[in-house]
């Protein structure tokens, strides 16, 4: 597997990396949260820009991103607009979604951009949408990496479907494929771990990310090194998805699991 290295953070090898979301609505609150995060054991920061009140005012949004880049120093930034169909806060047209993500990529102030890879398609076996694939290409042309994404906040698809969606994201050019689903049973959590392990051992040629959300799925955030997932989301106060634990606790558990694998 080829590692992805961003500002000195290597994804795909060693201890899985921690990523913390910022979900504030205002510039002031975003920068306050950045200052708080700087005091925590965080490897990457995700700006969940769908929470931001100035998201689709391009000059305002890009200026806030620039300020966030300055506030976080060398910590890598993942820029994410999570849409309502995938559990987010906004329901933009694809044109607005794409144009905003491309502008961010061109700014040079984000290191990764999240792309929802199956725009308008709910079939977990389907290939990436043509418009999403083009957006991946456009973001790459702007010099930025892509975290592909697929979410289901209501259920856990089958193991075969999750492996298929990760393979399809990889084929469409996502630098880090991602699948996040909601478990209804403990068995659903094991299904996610099994799908992750199958993808890692048979198909993955790059780092990827899998999550079983909610309290039931918390173990998937700790066991990601065993299943092959390269990083996991923790919280600094307010969480962006159900089941996130505070990043300090998460970091300690990830390092404990990693040490056990070396013995």
C-alpha atoms as a PDB file:
ATOM      1  CA  UNK A   1       0.000   0.000   0.000  1.00  0.00           C
ATOM      2  CA  UNK A   2       1.255   3.460  -0.886  1.00  0.00           C
ATOM      3  CA  UNK A   3       1.260   5.915   2.009  1.00  0.00           C
ATOM      4  CA  UNK A   4      -0.148   9.430   1.728  1.00  0.00           C
ATOM      5  CA  UNK A   5       2.058  12.045   3.399  1.00  0.00           C
ATOM      6  CA  UNK A   6       0.643  15.469   4.212  1.00  0.00           C
ATOM      7  CA  UNK A   7       2.699  18.118   6.028  1.00  0.00           C
ATOM      8  CA  UNK A   8       4.740  15.405   7.703  1.00  0.00           C
ATOM      9  CA  UNK A   9       1.705  13.285   8.678  1.00  0.00           C
ATOM     10  CA  UNK A  10       1.900   9.833   7.091  1.00  0.00           C
ATOM     11  CA  UNK A  11      -1.403   8.078   6.485  1.00  0.00           C
ATOM     12  CA  UNK A  12      -1.386   4.335   5.961  1.00  0.00           C
ATOM     13  CA  UNK A  13       1.432   3.270   8.298  1.00  0.00           C
ATOM     14  CA  UNK A  14       2.057   3.288  12.024  1.00  0.00           C
ATOM     15  CA  UNK A  15      -0.486   4.427  14.582  1.00  0.00           C
ATOM     16  CA  UNK A  16      -3.764   5.439  12.887  1.00  0.00           C
ATOM     17  CA  UNK A  17      -4.059   9.199  12.859  1.00  0.00           C
ATOM     18  CA  UNK A  18      -6.606  11.297  14.735  1.00  0.00           C
ATOM     19  CA  UNK A  19      -8.724  13.882  12.966  1.00  0.00           C
ATOM     20  CA  UNK A  20     -10.868  16.404  14.823  1.00  0.00           C
ATOM     21  CA  UNK A  21     -13.782  18.325  13.270  1.00  0.00           C
ATOM     22  CA  UNK A  22     -14.610  22.003  13.630  1.00  0.00           C
ATOM     23  CA  UNK A  23     -18.379  22.486  13.429  1.00  0.00           C
ATOM     24  CA  UNK A  24     -18.755  26.132  14.499  1.00  0.00           C
ATOM     25  CA  UNK A  25     -21.060  28.564  12.685  1.00  0.00           C
ATOM     26  CA  UNK A  26     -19.023  31.789  12.841  1.00  0.00           C
ATOM     27  CA  UNK A  27     -15.474  32.825  11.969  1.00  0.00           C
ATOM     28  CA  UNK A  28     -14.807  33.818  15.561  1.00  0.00           C
ATOM     29  CA  UNK A  29     -15.976  30.478  16.924  1.00  0.00           C
ATOM     30  CA  UNK A  30     -14.011  28.571  14.280  1.00  0.00           C
ATOM     31  CA  UNK A  31     -10.774  30.315  15.228  1.00  0.00           C
ATOM     32  CA  UNK A  32     -11.475  29.849  18.947  1.00  0.00           C
ATOM     33  CA  UNK A  33     -11.890  26.116  18.344  1.00  0.00           C
ATOM     34  CA  UNK A  34      -8.654  26.066  16.335  1.00  0.00           C
ATOM     35  CA  UNK A  35      -6.801  27.588  19.292  1.00  0.00           C
ATOM     36  CA  UNK A  36      -8.272  24.894  21.558  1.00  0.00           C
ATOM     37  CA  UNK A  37      -7.332  22.115  19.138  1.00  0.00           C
ATOM     38  CA  UNK A  38      -3.737  23.349  19.039  1.00  0.00           C
ATOM     39  CA  UNK A  39      -3.434  22.217  22.664  1.00  0.00           C
ATOM     40  CA  UNK A  40      -4.617  18.661  21.913  1.00  0.00           C
ATOM     41  CA  UNK A  41      -2.957  15.527  20.434  1.00  0.00           C
ATOM     42  CA  UNK A  42      -4.455  16.013  16.969  1.00  0.00           C
ATOM     43  CA  UNK A  43      -2.945  14.876  13.659  1.00  0.00           C
ATOM     44  CA  UNK A  44      -5.422  16.492  11.242  1.00  0.00           C
ATOM     45  CA  UNK A  45      -8.357  18.913  11.434  1.00  0.00           C
ATOM     46  CA  UNK A  46     -11.574  18.691   9.445  1.00  0.00           C
ATOM     47  CA  UNK A  47     -13.404  21.940   8.803  1.00  0.00           C
ATOM     48  CA  UNK A  48     -17.060  20.929   8.482  1.00  0.00           C
ATOM     49  CA  UNK A  49     -17.894  23.984   6.424  1.00  0.00           C
ATOM     50  CA  UNK A  50     -21.554  22.986   6.018  1.00  0.00           C
ATOM     51  CA  UNK A  51     -22.034  24.387   9.541  1.00  0.00           C
ATOM     52  CA  UNK A  52     -20.488  27.750   8.584  1.00  0.00           C
ATOM     53  CA  UNK A  53     -22.882  30.637   8.027  1.00  0.00           C
ATOM     54  CA  UNK A  54     -20.734  32.128   5.248  1.00  0.00           C
ATOM     55  CA  UNK A  55     -20.173  28.916   3.296  1.00  0.00           C
ATOM     56  CA  UNK A  56     -21.488  30.018  -0.108  1.00  0.00           C
ATOM     57  CA  UNK A  57     -20.141  33.567   0.095  1.00  0.00           C
ATOM     58  CA  UNK A  58     -16.862  32.668  -1.628  1.00  0.00           C
ATOM     59  CA  UNK A  59     -14.678  35.646  -0.606  1.00  0.00           C
ATOM     60  CA  UNK A  60     -15.816  35.402   3.026  1.00  0.00           C
ATOM     61  CA  UNK A  61     -15.417  31.632   3.166  1.00  0.00           C
ATOM     62  CA  UNK A  62     -11.960  31.680   1.576  1.00  0.00           C
ATOM     63  CA  UNK A  63     -10.794  34.404   3.937  1.00  0.00           C
ATOM     64  CA  UNK A  64     -11.980  32.348   6.908  1.00  0.00           C
ATOM     65  CA  UNK A  65     -10.162  29.322   5.523  1.00  0.00           C
ATOM     66  CA  UNK A  66      -6.999  31.414   5.175  1.00  0.00           C
ATOM     67  CA  UNK A  67      -7.315  32.516   8.803  1.00  0.00           C
ATOM     68  CA  UNK A  68      -7.876  28.919   9.878  1.00  0.00           C
ATOM     69  CA  UNK A  69      -4.779  27.821   7.970  1.00  0.00           C
ATOM     70  CA  UNK A  70      -2.758  30.471   9.810  1.00  0.00           C
ATOM     71  CA  UNK A  71      -4.247  29.501  13.186  1.00  0.00           C
ATOM     72  CA  UNK A  72      -3.477  25.793  12.774  1.00  0.00           C
ATOM     73  CA  UNK A  73       0.084  26.229  11.568  1.00  0.00           C
ATOM     74  CA  UNK A  74       1.307  23.033   9.916  1.00  0.00           C
ATOM     75  CA  UNK A  75      -1.626  20.812  10.942  1.00  0.00           C
ATOM     76  CA  UNK A  76      -3.249  19.361   7.799  1.00  0.00           C
ATOM     77  CA  UNK A  77      -6.774  20.587   6.993  1.00  0.00           C
ATOM     78  CA  UNK A  78      -9.570  18.528   5.441  1.00  0.00           C
ATOM     79  CA  UNK A  79     -12.305  20.747   3.958  1.00  0.00           C
ATOM     80  CA  UNK A  80     -15.756  19.153   4.009  1.00  0.00           C
ATOM     81  CA  UNK A  81     -19.198  20.209   2.832  1.00  0.00           C
ATOM     82  CA  UNK A  82     -21.427  17.429   4.108  1.00  0.00           C
ATOM     83  CA  UNK A  83     -24.790  17.514   2.342  1.00  0.00           C
ATOM     84  CA  UNK A  84     -28.133  16.618   3.903  1.00  0.00           C
ATOM     85  CA  UNK A  85     -28.515  13.328   1.986  1.00  0.00           C
ATOM     86  CA  UNK A  86     -25.286  12.184   3.654  1.00  0.00           C
ATOM     87  CA  UNK A  87     -26.041  13.548   7.119  1.00  0.00           C
ATOM     88  CA  UNK A  88     -24.898  17.159   6.749  1.00  0.00           C
ATOM     89  CA  UNK A  89     -26.375  20.608   7.183  1.00  0.00           C
ATOM     90  CA  UNK A  90     -26.855  21.925   3.636  1.00  0.00           C
ATOM     91  CA  UNK A  91     -28.506  20.876   0.373  1.00  0.00           C
ATOM     92  CA  UNK A  92     -26.661  22.808  -2.361  1.00  0.00           C
ATOM     93  CA  UNK A  93     -26.888  22.333  -6.100  1.00  0.00           C
ATOM     94  CA  UNK A  94     -24.043  20.247  -7.456  1.00  0.00           C
ATOM     95  CA  UNK A  95     -22.744  23.340  -9.265  1.00  0.00           C
ATOM     96  CA  UNK A  96     -22.440  25.293  -6.000  1.00  0.00           C
ATOM     97  CA  UNK A  97     -20.966  22.265  -4.224  1.00  0.00           C
ATOM     98  CA  UNK A  98     -18.368  21.675  -6.943  1.00  0.00           C
ATOM     99  CA  UNK A  99     -17.425  25.318  -7.446  1.00  0.00           C
ATOM    100  CA  UNK A 100     -16.869  25.835  -3.719  1.00  0.00           C
ATOM    101  CA  UNK A 101     -14.704  22.732  -3.392  1.00  0.00           C
ATOM    102  CA  UNK A 102     -12.633  23.676  -6.450  1.00  0.00           C
ATOM    103  CA  UNK A 103     -12.102  27.213  -5.114  1.00  0.00           C
ATOM    104  CA  UNK A 104     -10.869  25.749  -1.831  1.00  0.00           C
ATOM    105  CA  UNK A 105      -8.498  23.409  -3.633  1.00  0.00           C
ATOM    106  CA  UNK A 106      -7.101  26.285  -5.703  1.00  0.00           C
ATOM    107  CA  UNK A 107      -6.598  28.451  -2.600  1.00  0.00           C
ATOM    108  CA  UNK A 108      -3.802  26.241  -1.295  1.00  0.00           C
ATOM    109  CA  UNK A 109      -5.119  26.588   2.260  1.00  0.00           C
ATOM    110  CA  UNK A 110      -6.630  23.102   2.537  1.00  0.00           C
ATOM    111  CA  UNK A 111      -4.662  19.886   2.118  1.00  0.00           C
ATOM    112  CA  UNK A 112      -7.588  17.569   1.400  1.00  0.00           C
ATOM    113  CA  UNK A 113     -11.128  18.094   0.112  1.00  0.00           C
ATOM    114  CA  UNK A 114     -13.986  15.699   0.872  1.00  0.00           C
ATOM    115  CA  UNK A 115     -15.989  14.618  -2.190  1.00  0.00           C
ATOM    116  CA  UNK A 116     -19.265  12.716  -1.902  1.00  0.00           C
ATOM    117  CA  UNK A 117     -18.529  10.116  -4.563  1.00  0.00           C
ATOM    118  CA  UNK A 118     -22.000   8.866  -5.415  1.00  0.00           C
ATOM    119  CA  UNK A 119     -23.920  12.105  -5.939  1.00  0.00           C
ATOM    120  CA  UNK A 120     -27.604  11.285  -6.503  1.00  0.00           C
ATOM    121  CA  UNK A 121     -27.094   7.509  -6.279  1.00  0.00           C
ATOM    122  CA  UNK A 122     -28.066   5.382  -3.276  1.00  0.00           C
ATOM    123  CA  UNK A 123     -26.857   2.041  -4.681  1.00  0.00           C
ATOM    124  CA  UNK A 124     -23.808   0.922  -2.713  1.00  0.00           C
ATOM    125  CA  UNK A 125     -22.734  -1.359  -5.579  1.00  0.00           C
ATOM    126  CA  UNK A 126     -22.773   1.427  -8.184  1.00  0.00           C
ATOM    127  CA  UNK A 127     -19.649   3.073  -9.609  1.00  0.00           C
ATOM    128  CA  UNK A 128     -18.862   6.640  -8.619  1.00  0.00           C
ATOM    129  CA  UNK A 129     -21.124   9.239 -10.211  1.00  0.00           C
ATOM    130  CA  UNK A 130     -19.700  10.855 -13.350  1.00  0.00           C
ATOM    131  CA  UNK A 131     -20.038  14.341 -11.853  1.00  0.00           C
ATOM    132  CA  UNK A 132     -18.239  13.277  -8.674  1.00  0.00           C
ATOM    133  CA  UNK A 133     -15.432  11.686 -10.662  1.00  0.00           C
ATOM    134  CA  UNK A 134     -14.983  14.881 -12.685  1.00  0.00           C
ATOM    135  CA  UNK A 135     -14.876  16.886  -9.458  1.00  0.00           C
ATOM    136  CA  UNK A 136     -12.118  14.597  -8.162  1.00  0.00           C
ATOM    137  CA  UNK A 137     -10.152  15.280 -11.344  1.00  0.00           C
ATOM    138  CA  UNK A 138     -10.696  19.038 -11.027  1.00  0.00           C
ATOM    139  CA  UNK A 139      -9.540  19.065  -7.398  1.00  0.00           C
ATOM    140  CA  UNK A 140      -6.442  17.061  -8.321  1.00  0.00           C
ATOM    141  CA  UNK A 141      -5.718  19.521 -11.127  1.00  0.00           C
ATOM    142  CA  UNK A 142      -5.812  22.281  -8.519  1.00  0.00           C
ATOM    143  CA  UNK A 143      -3.114  20.471  -6.549  1.00  0.00           C
ATOM    144  CA  UNK A 144      -5.214  19.096  -3.691  1.00  0.00           C
ATOM    145  CA  UNK A 145      -5.896  15.564  -2.423  1.00  0.00           C
ATOM    146  CA  UNK A 146      -9.361  14.010  -2.166  1.00  0.00           C
ATOM    147  CA  UNK A 147     -11.057  12.093   0.609  1.00  0.00           C
ATOM    148  CA  UNK A 148     -13.863  10.204  -1.108  1.00  0.00           C
ATOM    149  CA  UNK A 149     -16.909   9.602   1.041  1.00  0.00           C
ATOM    150  CA  UNK A 150     -20.079   7.540   1.381  1.00  0.00           C
ATOM    151  CA  UNK A 151     -22.418   7.665   4.401  1.00  0.00           C
ATOM    152  CA  UNK A 152     -25.479   5.804   5.633  1.00  0.00           C
ATOM    153  CA  UNK A 153     -26.896   7.187   8.878  1.00  0.00           C
ATOM    154  CA  UNK A 154     -29.777   4.695   8.974  1.00  0.00           C
ATOM    155  CA  UNK A 155     -28.219   1.248   8.536  1.00  0.00           C
ATOM    156  CA  UNK A 156     -25.180  -0.880   7.748  1.00  0.00           C
ATOM    157  CA  UNK A 157     -24.958  -2.242   4.199  1.00  0.00           C
ATOM    158  CA  UNK A 158     -23.648  -5.744   3.586  1.00  0.00           C
ATOM    159  CA  UNK A 159     -19.944  -6.513   3.711  1.00  0.00           C
ATOM    160  CA  UNK A 160     -19.911  -6.956  -0.080  1.00  0.00           C
ATOM    161  CA  UNK A 161     -21.560  -3.561  -0.610  1.00  0.00           C
ATOM    162  CA  UNK A 162     -19.066  -1.750   1.605  1.00  0.00           C
ATOM    163  CA  UNK A 163     -16.122  -3.400  -0.121  1.00  0.00           C
ATOM    164  CA  UNK A 164     -17.671  -2.447  -3.478  1.00  0.00           C
ATOM    165  CA  UNK A 165     -18.092   1.209  -2.528  1.00  0.00           C
ATOM    166  CA  UNK A 166     -14.481   1.449  -1.329  1.00  0.00           C
ATOM    167  CA  UNK A 167     -13.220  -0.226  -4.510  1.00  0.00           C
ATOM    168  CA  UNK A 168     -15.322   2.093  -6.657  1.00  0.00           C
ATOM    169  CA  UNK A 169     -14.009   5.173  -4.857  1.00  0.00           C
ATOM    170  CA  UNK A 170     -10.458   3.950  -5.345  1.00  0.00           C
ATOM    171  CA  UNK A 171     -11.103   3.328  -9.052  1.00  0.00           C
ATOM    172  CA  UNK A 172     -12.526   6.843  -9.408  1.00  0.00           C
ATOM    173  CA  UNK A 173      -9.327   8.384  -8.057  1.00  0.00           C
ATOM    174  CA  UNK A 174     -10.116   9.216  -4.428  1.00  0.00           C
ATOM    175  CA  UNK A 175      -6.797   9.417  -2.586  1.00  0.00           C
ATOM    176  CA  UNK A 176      -8.448   8.206   0.639  1.00  0.00           C
ATOM    177  CA  UNK A 177     -11.730   6.283   0.189  1.00  0.00           C
ATOM    178  CA  UNK A 178     -14.137   6.513   3.131  1.00  0.00           C
ATOM    179  CA  UNK A 179     -17.290   4.677   4.214  1.00  0.00           C
ATOM    180  CA  UNK A 180     -19.260   5.546   7.367  1.00  0.00           C
ATOM    181  CA  UNK A 181     -22.396   3.645   8.382  1.00  0.00           C
ATOM    182  CA  UNK A 182     -24.776   3.237  11.302  1.00  0.00           C
ATOM    183  CA  UNK A 183     -25.010  -0.073  13.175  1.00  0.00           C
ATOM    184  CA  UNK A 184     -28.249  -1.467  14.542  1.00  0.00           C
ATOM    185  CA  UNK A 185     -26.610  -4.493  16.179  1.00  0.00           C
ATOM    186  CA  UNK A 186     -23.194  -5.530  17.450  1.00  0.00           C
ATOM    187  CA  UNK A 187     -22.991  -7.760  14.412  1.00  0.00           C
ATOM    188  CA  UNK A 188     -23.191  -4.694  12.173  1.00  0.00           C
ATOM    189  CA  UNK A 189     -20.016  -3.361  13.779  1.00  0.00           C
ATOM    190  CA  UNK A 190     -18.232  -6.618  12.995  1.00  0.00           C
ATOM    191  CA  UNK A 191     -19.508  -6.384   9.427  1.00  0.00           C
ATOM    192  CA  UNK A 192     -17.773  -3.022   9.037  1.00  0.00           C
ATOM    193  CA  UNK A 193     -14.533  -4.366  10.483  1.00  0.00           C
ATOM    194  CA  UNK A 194     -14.706  -7.421   8.215  1.00  0.00           C
ATOM    195  CA  UNK A 195     -15.357  -5.256   5.147  1.00  0.00           C
ATOM    196  CA  UNK A 196     -12.460  -3.011   6.096  1.00  0.00           C
ATOM    197  CA  UNK A 197     -10.122  -5.954   6.551  1.00  0.00           C
ATOM    198  CA  UNK A 198     -11.209  -7.544   3.268  1.00  0.00           C
ATOM    199  CA  UNK A 199     -10.612  -4.310   1.353  1.00  0.00           C
ATOM    200  CA  UNK A 200      -7.235  -3.805   3.052  1.00  0.00           C
ATOM    201  CA  UNK A 201      -5.997  -7.329   2.434  1.00  0.00           C
ATOM    202  CA  UNK A 202      -7.288  -7.851  -1.119  1.00  0.00           C
ATOM    203  CA  UNK A 203      -7.847  -4.565  -2.927  1.00  0.00           C
ATOM    204  CA  UNK A 204      -6.468  -1.421  -1.272  1.00  0.00           C
ATOM    205  CA  UNK A 205      -3.485   0.270  -2.886  1.00  0.00           C
ATOM    206  CA  UNK A 206      -3.874   3.433  -0.789  1.00  0.00           C
ATOM    207  CA  UNK A 207      -4.971   4.461   2.719  1.00  0.00           C
ATOM    208  CA  UNK A 208      -8.695   4.371   3.455  1.00  0.00           C
ATOM    209  CA  UNK A 209     -11.129   5.084   6.255  1.00  0.00           C
ATOM    210  CA  UNK A 210     -14.086   3.099   7.615  1.00  0.00           C
ATOM    211  CA  UNK A 211     -16.359   3.978  10.522  1.00  0.00           C
ATOM    212  CA  UNK A 212     -19.230   2.306  12.313  1.00  0.00           C
ATOM    213  CA  UNK A 213     -20.969   5.278  13.927  1.00  0.00           C
ATOM    214  CA  UNK A 214     -22.953   5.733  17.135  1.00  0.00           C
ATOM    215  CA  UNK A 215     -22.242   4.316  20.593  1.00  0.00           C
ATOM    216  CA  UNK A 216     -22.447   0.732  19.305  1.00  0.00           C
ATOM    217  CA  UNK A 217     -19.804   1.463  16.696  1.00  0.00           C
ATOM    218  CA  UNK A 218     -17.285   3.088  19.010  1.00  0.00           C
ATOM    219  CA  UNK A 219     -15.039   0.007  18.915  1.00  0.00           C
ATOM    220  CA  UNK A 220     -14.479   0.535  15.177  1.00  0.00           C
ATOM    221  CA  UNK A 221     -12.836   3.871  16.001  1.00  0.00           C
ATOM    222  CA  UNK A 222     -10.369   2.135  18.309  1.00  0.00           C
ATOM    223  CA  UNK A 223      -9.766  -1.068  16.309  1.00  0.00           C
ATOM    224  CA  UNK A 224      -9.025   0.693  13.025  1.00  0.00           C
ATOM    225  CA  UNK A 225      -5.397  -0.478  12.987  1.00  0.00           C
ATOM    226  CA  UNK A 226      -6.576  -4.088  13.098  1.00  0.00           C
ATOM    227  CA  UNK A 227      -9.028  -3.583  10.239  1.00  0.00           C
ATOM    228  CA  UNK A 228      -6.741  -1.421   8.117  1.00  0.00           C
ATOM    229  CA  UNK A 229      -8.370   1.992   8.481  1.00  0.00           C
ATOM    230  CA  UNK A 230      -5.737   4.756   8.386  1.00  0.00           C
ATOM    231  CA  UNK A 231      -7.337   7.335  10.676  1.00  0.00           C
ATOM    232  CA  UNK A 232     -10.304   7.950  12.901  1.00  0.00           C
ATOM    233  CA  UNK A 233     -12.365  10.903  14.076  1.00  0.00           C
ATOM    234  CA  UNK A 234     -12.263  12.205  17.619  1.00  0.00           C
ATOM    235  CA  UNK A 235     -13.938  15.201  19.217  1.00  0.00           C
ATOM    236  CA  UNK A 236     -12.687  18.332  20.915  1.00  0.00           C
ATOM    237  CA  UNK A 237     -15.874  19.179  22.745  1.00  0.00           C
ATOM    238  CA  UNK A 238     -18.739  19.064  20.247  1.00  0.00           C
ATOM    239  CA  UNK A 239     -18.781  15.995  17.978  1.00  0.00           C
ATOM    240  CA  UNK A 240     -19.644  16.063  14.275  1.00  0.00           C
ATOM    241  CA  UNK A 241     -21.041  12.524  14.191  1.00  0.00           C
ATOM    242  CA  UNK A 242     -22.533  10.143  16.753  1.00  0.00           C
ATOM    243  CA  UNK A 243     -20.110   7.945  18.678  1.00  0.00           C
ATOM    244  CA  UNK A 244     -17.039  10.171  18.543  1.00  0.00           C
ATOM    245  CA  UNK A 245     -14.985  10.067  21.744  1.00  0.00           C
ATOM    246  CA  UNK A 246     -12.790  12.878  23.002  1.00  0.00           C
ATOM    247  CA  UNK A 247      -9.534  12.957  21.071  1.00  0.00           C
ATOM    248  CA  UNK A 248      -7.205  12.659  24.066  1.00  0.00           C
ATOM    249  CA  UNK A 249      -8.831   9.405  25.153  1.00  0.00           C
ATOM    250  CA  UNK A 250      -8.910   8.149  21.574  1.00  0.00           C
ATOM    251  CA  UNK A 251      -5.234   8.885  20.958  1.00  0.00           C
ATOM    252  CA  UNK A 252      -4.231   6.942  24.058  1.00  0.00           C
ATOM    253  CA  UNK A 253      -6.261   3.907  23.027  1.00  0.00           C
ATOM    254  CA  UNK A 254      -4.869   3.950  19.480  1.00  0.00           C
ATOM    255  CA  UNK A 255      -1.326   4.013  20.802  1.00  0.00           C
ATOM    256  CA  UNK A 256      -2.110   1.191  23.264  1.00  0.00           C
ATOM    257  CA  UNK A 257      -3.467  -1.009  20.458  1.00  0.00           C
ATOM    258  CA  UNK A 258      -0.460  -0.150  18.268  1.00  0.00           C
ATOM    259  CA  UNK A 259       2.028  -1.128  20.969  1.00  0.00           C
ATOM    260  CA  UNK A 260       0.228  -4.445  21.440  1.00  0.00           C
ATOM    261  CA  UNK A 261       0.689  -5.223  17.744  1.00  0.00           C
ATOM    262  CA  UNK A 262       4.456  -4.844  18.090  1.00  0.00           C
ATOM    263  CA  UNK A 263       4.825  -7.446  20.846  1.00  0.00           C
END
